[in-house]
Amino acid sequence: MAEVLSFRTEAGKENGALVLRQFADGILRLTLNNPPANLLSIAMLETLMGELQNAAEDQAVRVVVIASTGDVFSAGHDLKELTAHRGDPDEGEAFFEETFALAADLMLEITRLPKPVIAEIDGLATAAGCQLVASCDLAICTDTATFCTPGVNIGLFCATPMVAVTRAAHRKQAMEMLLTGETIDASTAKDFGLVNRIVPKQYLSQVVTKYASVIASKSPMAVRIGKEAFYRQLEMPVEEAYSYAAEVMVDSMMTDDAEEGIGAFLDKRMPDWTTE
């Protein structure tokens, strides 16, 4: 049976829970629960960060899914929250720095998390919400999902979302999104490289859970080593990447899980992974 908990409340929110937490079969589902826009306020960013940090330490968690309630996956930063600080003595500069630094830390936490993170998108993912999607290891959306980086439309180029988007989408497509600020549909997002799969709305959670379950059945050690290696080699020249990857393969071959996995394959049986 799934464990369902509510984390972190926000003043004025009717049902109190900013993020819903559901855990079952090694899959931790974190649901943004601040409709209609699921804004990435300071409180939301801090809540997600705390959940991911806890997931990193919890051996029972194999895969993390980030989903949402309502018709918007996330509309990004809370512009009203940001604007309210223009009356500060420094005209809001310190608060702006805090907000964008915290968002960057959250995106890096996703990349560095030793467990895969899957974005489950139903609705609009815009600005920092699109950044969140691009930062996840996998992204699966409905056929009615939409995406954009609209900062240029309000005189604020989406510079921090740009970091994640340009690492997920192809270069010229990323520039198209950033320079025009226009919304793209799910099919275009898949062509651009922002999402892996598009599914009908009624099957979204089912398909995401299937992907998560398949990943959760693999060796936790192999997944952890592999995810770290994937992101590290991306930033290396190709010769350095091959040298580094060979070291990773040798180190991996020396693990108990590699010995068990290869033995299970040769013996035609299911492997019994370690709990690490």
Protein backbone atom coordinates (compact mmCIF):
# COMPACT_ATOMS: atom_id res chain seq x y z
CA MET A 1 0.00 0.00 0.00
CA ALA A 2 1.25 3.48 -0.85
CA GLU A 3 2.31 5.86 1.87
CA VAL A 4 0.74 9.30 1.37
CA LEU A 5 1.97 12.33 3.27
CA SER A 6 1.69 16.11 2.94
CA PHE A 7 4.70 18.36 3.33
CA ARG A 8 5.22 22.09 3.93
CA THR A 9 2.23 24.40 4.09
CA GLU A 10 1.83 27.90 2.75
CA ALA A 11 -0.19 30.61 4.44
CA GLY A 12 -3.54 31.19 2.78
CA LYS A 13 -3.60 27.93 0.92
CA GLU A 14 -6.92 26.17 1.43
CA ASN A 15 -5.77 22.58 1.87
CA GLY A 16 -2.36 23.52 3.25
CA ALA A 17 -0.11 21.08 1.39
CA LEU A 18 2.32 22.62 -1.10
CA VAL A 19 3.74 19.25 -2.11
CA LEU A 20 2.07 15.86 -1.82
CA ARG A 21 4.34 12.89 -1.17
CA GLN A 22 3.37 9.37 -2.18
CA PHE A 23 5.69 6.36 -1.87
CA ALA A 24 5.18 2.81 -3.11
CA ASP A 25 7.34 0.06 -4.61
CA GLY A 26 10.51 2.15 -4.58
CA ILE A 27 8.86 5.09 -6.41
CA LEU A 28 8.56 8.45 -4.67
CA ARG A 29 5.95 10.69 -6.30
CA LEU A 30 6.18 14.39 -5.45
CA THR A 31 3.14 16.32 -6.63
CA LEU A 32 3.18 20.11 -6.87
CA ASN A 33 -0.04 21.09 -5.18
CA ASN A 34 -0.42 24.85 -5.48
CA PRO A 35 -2.92 25.38 -8.33
CA PRO A 36 -3.81 27.09 -10.49
CA ALA A 37 -0.18 27.84 -11.48
CA ASN A 38 1.96 25.66 -9.17
CA LEU A 39 4.37 28.57 -8.87
CA LEU A 40 7.94 27.95 -7.78
CA SER A 41 7.83 30.30 -4.81
CA ILE A 42 10.58 30.27 -2.21
CA ALA A 43 8.42 27.94 -0.10
CA MET A 44 7.86 25.55 -3.02
CA LEU A 45 11.56 25.53 -3.95
CA GLU A 46 12.57 24.84 -0.36
CA THR A 47 10.01 22.05 -0.03
CA LEU A 48 11.14 20.30 -3.20
CA MET A 49 14.78 20.69 -2.20
CA GLY A 50 14.11 19.10 1.18
CA GLU A 51 12.24 16.21 -0.37
CA LEU A 52 15.02 15.50 -2.87
CA GLN A 53 17.69 15.65 -0.18
CA ASN A 54 15.70 13.18 1.91
CA ALA A 55 15.24 10.92 -1.13
CA ALA A 56 18.99 10.92 -1.73
CA GLU A 57 19.54 9.40 1.73
CA ASP A 58 16.61 6.97 1.67
CA GLN A 59 17.72 3.59 0.31
CA ALA A 60 14.10 2.56 -0.20
CA VAL A 61 13.64 5.27 -2.84
CA ARG A 62 14.73 4.05 -6.27
CA VAL A 63 13.06 6.60 -8.57
CA VAL A 64 11.52 10.05 -8.05
CA VAL A 65 8.56 11.35 -10.07
CA ILE A 66 7.68 15.06 -10.10
CA ALA A 67 4.04 15.63 -11.07
CA SER A 68 1.42 18.33 -10.47
CA THR A 69 -2.22 19.01 -9.73
CA GLY A 70 -4.43 21.23 -11.87
CA ASP A 71 -4.11 22.33 -15.48
CA VAL A 72 -0.62 23.87 -15.19
CA PHE A 73 2.47 21.81 -14.44
CA SER A 74 4.27 24.95 -13.28
CA ALA A 75 4.22 28.57 -14.43
CA GLY A 76 7.67 29.18 -12.96
CA HIS A 77 8.70 31.78 -10.42
CA ASP A 78 6.09 33.73 -8.46
CA LEU A 79 6.26 37.16 -10.12
CA LYS A 80 4.06 38.72 -7.45
CA GLU A 81 6.41 37.44 -4.75
CA LEU A 82 9.39 38.87 -6.63
CA THR A 83 7.69 42.21 -7.35
CA ALA A 84 6.66 42.63 -3.71
CA HIS A 85 10.35 42.97 -2.81
CA ARG A 86 10.97 45.94 -5.10
CA GLY A 87 10.05 48.05 -2.10
CA ASP A 88 13.01 46.70 -0.12
CA PRO A 89 15.90 49.10 0.61
CA ASP A 90 17.96 47.38 -2.11
CA GLU A 91 14.97 47.39 -4.51
CA GLY A 92 14.71 43.61 -4.20
CA GLU A 93 18.18 42.65 -5.39
CA ALA A 94 18.99 40.39 -2.42
CA PHE A 95 15.65 38.57 -2.68
CA PHE A 96 16.08 38.13 -6.44
CA GLU A 97 19.53 36.65 -5.84
CA GLU A 98 18.13 34.29 -3.20
CA THR A 99 15.30 33.12 -5.47
CA PHE A 100 17.38 32.41 -8.55
CA ALA A 101 20.20 30.81 -6.55
CA LEU A 102 17.74 28.51 -4.79
CA ALA A 103 16.19 27.54 -8.12
CA ALA A 104 19.63 26.77 -9.52
CA ASP A 105 20.44 24.67 -6.45
CA LEU A 106 17.21 22.71 -6.92
CA MET A 107 17.99 21.97 -10.58
CA LEU A 108 21.52 20.88 -9.65
CA GLU A 109 20.11 18.70 -6.86
CA ILE A 110 18.02 16.87 -9.48
CA THR A 111 21.08 16.29 -11.65
CA ARG A 112 23.23 15.17 -8.72
CA LEU A 113 20.55 13.01 -7.08
CA PRO A 114 21.78 9.39 -7.12
CA LYS A 115 18.31 8.28 -8.25
CA PRO A 116 16.61 9.04 -11.60
CA VAL A 117 13.99 11.81 -11.66
CA ILE A 118 11.06 11.68 -14.08
CA ALA A 119 8.92 14.72 -14.89
CA GLU A 120 5.22 13.91 -15.41
CA ILE A 121 3.75 16.86 -17.31
CA ASP A 122 0.07 17.53 -17.84
CA GLY A 123 -0.57 21.14 -18.85
CA LEU A 124 1.68 24.16 -19.27
CA ALA A 125 5.33 24.18 -18.20
CA THR A 126 6.63 27.71 -18.59
CA ALA A 127 9.76 29.66 -17.58
CA ALA A 128 11.26 28.03 -14.47
CA GLY A 129 8.58 25.35 -14.82
CA CYS A 130 10.06 24.47 -18.20
CA GLN A 131 13.49 24.62 -16.54
CA LEU A 132 12.28 22.03 -14.04
CA VAL A 133 11.15 19.72 -16.84
CA ALA A 134 14.44 20.14 -18.70
CA SER A 135 16.42 19.40 -15.54
CA CYS A 136 14.78 16.03 -14.94
CA ASP A 137 16.43 12.89 -16.32
CA LEU A 138 13.31 11.83 -18.21
CA ALA A 139 10.14 13.71 -19.13
CA ILE A 140 6.80 12.23 -20.18
CA CYS A 141 3.85 14.47 -21.06
CA THR A 142 0.27 14.41 -22.26
CA ASP A 143 -0.61 15.24 -25.84
CA THR A 144 -2.10 18.54 -24.64
CA ALA A 145 0.97 19.67 -22.66
CA THR A 146 2.66 22.91 -23.73
CA PHE A 147 6.03 24.50 -23.02
CA CYS A 148 7.64 27.93 -23.25
CA THR A 149 10.38 30.24 -21.99
CA PRO A 150 8.49 33.55 -22.23
CA GLY A 151 10.76 35.88 -20.29
CA VAL A 152 11.60 37.91 -23.38
CA ASN A 153 7.92 38.88 -23.59
CA ILE A 154 8.12 40.74 -20.28
CA GLY A 155 11.59 42.22 -20.66
CA LEU A 156 13.29 39.44 -18.67
CA PHE A 157 15.26 36.95 -20.78
CA CYS A 158 14.90 33.42 -19.35
CA ALA A 159 18.61 33.16 -18.51
CA THR A 160 18.42 30.55 -15.74
CA PRO A 161 15.86 28.34 -17.56
CA MET A 162 18.21 28.66 -20.55
CA VAL A 163 20.88 26.61 -18.74
CA ALA A 164 18.66 23.54 -18.45
CA VAL A 165 16.82 23.99 -21.74
CA THR A 166 20.01 24.30 -23.82
CA ARG A 167 21.27 21.07 -22.27
CA ALA A 168 18.06 19.21 -23.08
CA ALA A 169 16.94 20.67 -26.42
CA HIS A 170 18.93 21.09 -29.59
CA ARG A 171 20.84 24.38 -29.75
CA LYS A 172 18.86 26.20 -32.43
CA GLN A 173 15.51 24.98 -31.11
CA ALA A 174 16.45 26.21 -27.64
CA MET A 175 17.33 29.61 -29.08
CA GLU A 176 13.99 29.66 -30.91
CA MET A 177 12.15 29.16 -27.63
CA LEU A 178 14.26 31.74 -25.78
CA LEU A 179 14.18 34.44 -28.45
CA THR A 180 10.52 34.20 -29.45
CA GLY A 181 8.97 33.37 -26.08
CA GLU A 182 6.30 31.46 -27.98
CA THR A 183 4.54 28.36 -26.67
CA ILE A 184 5.27 25.01 -28.30
CA ASP A 185 3.04 21.95 -28.24
CA ALA A 186 3.94 18.48 -27.01
CA SER A 187 4.90 17.16 -30.44
CA THR A 188 7.28 20.06 -31.01
CA ALA A 189 8.72 19.64 -27.52
CA LYS A 190 9.50 16.02 -28.36
CA ASP A 191 11.10 17.03 -31.64
CA PHE A 192 13.18 19.62 -29.78
CA GLY A 193 14.33 17.02 -27.25
CA LEU A 194 12.57 18.38 -24.16
CA VAL A 195 10.42 15.28 -23.57
CA ASN A 196 10.85 11.56 -24.14
CA ARG A 197 7.27 10.41 -24.70
CA ILE A 198 3.80 11.81 -25.38
CA VAL A 199 0.78 9.87 -24.10
CA PRO A 200 -2.97 10.46 -23.83
CA LYS A 201 -3.98 12.20 -20.62
CA GLN A 202 -5.82 9.20 -19.19
CA TYR A 203 -2.68 7.04 -19.42
CA LEU A 204 -0.07 9.55 -18.21
CA SER A 205 0.40 8.32 -14.64
CA GLN A 206 0.18 4.70 -15.76
CA VAL A 207 2.95 5.13 -18.34
CA VAL A 208 5.17 7.13 -15.97
CA THR A 209 4.72 4.49 -13.26
CA LYS A 210 5.64 1.78 -15.76
CA TYR A 211 8.87 3.60 -16.67
CA ALA A 212 9.65 4.21 -13.00
CA SER A 213 8.97 0.57 -12.12
CA VAL A 214 11.28 -0.70 -14.84
CA ILE A 215 14.08 1.58 -13.61
CA ALA A 216 13.38 0.70 -9.97
CA SER A 217 13.91 -2.99 -10.81
CA LYS A 218 17.52 -2.37 -11.89
CA SER A 219 20.60 -2.42 -9.70
CA PRO A 220 20.51 0.72 -7.50
CA MET A 221 24.29 0.82 -7.56
CA ALA A 222 24.49 0.59 -11.35
CA VAL A 223 21.87 3.33 -11.74
CA ARG A 224 23.66 5.59 -9.26
CA ILE A 225 27.06 5.10 -10.91
CA GLY A 226 25.58 5.44 -14.38
CA LYS A 227 23.66 8.65 -13.74
CA GLU A 228 26.70 10.36 -12.24
CA ALA A 229 28.89 9.21 -15.12
CA PHE A 230 26.35 10.33 -17.71
CA TYR A 231 26.38 13.96 -16.58
CA ARG A 232 30.12 14.09 -15.92
CA GLN A 233 31.13 12.80 -19.36
CA LEU A 234 28.82 15.26 -21.13
CA GLU A 235 31.14 18.12 -20.18
CA MET A 236 34.33 16.33 -21.32
CA PRO A 237 36.11 16.21 -24.70
CA VAL A 238 35.41 12.87 -26.37
CA GLU A 239 38.83 11.31 -25.68
CA GLU A 240 38.67 12.30 -22.02
CA ALA A 241 35.09 11.01 -21.86
CA TYR A 242 36.12 7.59 -23.16
CA SER A 243 39.01 7.40 -20.71
CA TYR A 244 36.73 8.35 -17.81
CA ALA A 245 33.99 5.94 -18.97
CA ALA A 246 36.48 3.07 -19.16
CA GLU A 247 37.47 3.74 -15.55
CA VAL A 248 33.80 3.72 -14.58
CA MET A 249 33.30 0.39 -16.36
CA VAL A 250 36.26 -1.18 -14.58
CA ASP A 251 35.08 0.11 -11.19
CA SER A 252 31.58 -1.13 -11.96
CA MET A 253 32.86 -4.59 -12.92
CA MET A 254 34.39 -4.87 -9.45
CA THR A 255 31.04 -4.33 -7.67
CA ASP A 256 28.95 -7.10 -6.15
CA ASP A 257 25.99 -6.14 -8.34
CA ALA A 258 27.95 -6.55 -11.57
CA GLU A 259 29.14 -9.99 -10.45
CA GLU A 260 25.59 -10.91 -9.43
CA GLY A 261 24.00 -9.47 -12.57
CA ILE A 262 26.38 -11.21 -14.97
CA GLY A 263 26.06 -14.45 -13.04
CA ALA A 264 22.26 -14.23 -13.12
CA PHE A 265 22.32 -13.59 -16.87
CA LEU A 266 24.56 -16.58 -17.52
CA ASP A 267 22.49 -18.77 -15.18
CA LYS A 268 19.23 -17.55 -16.72
CA ARG A 269 17.77 -16.40 -13.39
CA MET A 270 16.62 -13.11 -11.86
CA PRO A 271 19.39 -11.12 -10.13
CA ASP A 272 19.33 -10.34 -6.43
CA TRP A 273 20.64 -6.79 -6.12
CA THR A 274 22.29 -5.24 -3.09
CA THR A 275 20.28 -2.59 -1.24
CA GLU A 276 22.79 0.25 -1.80
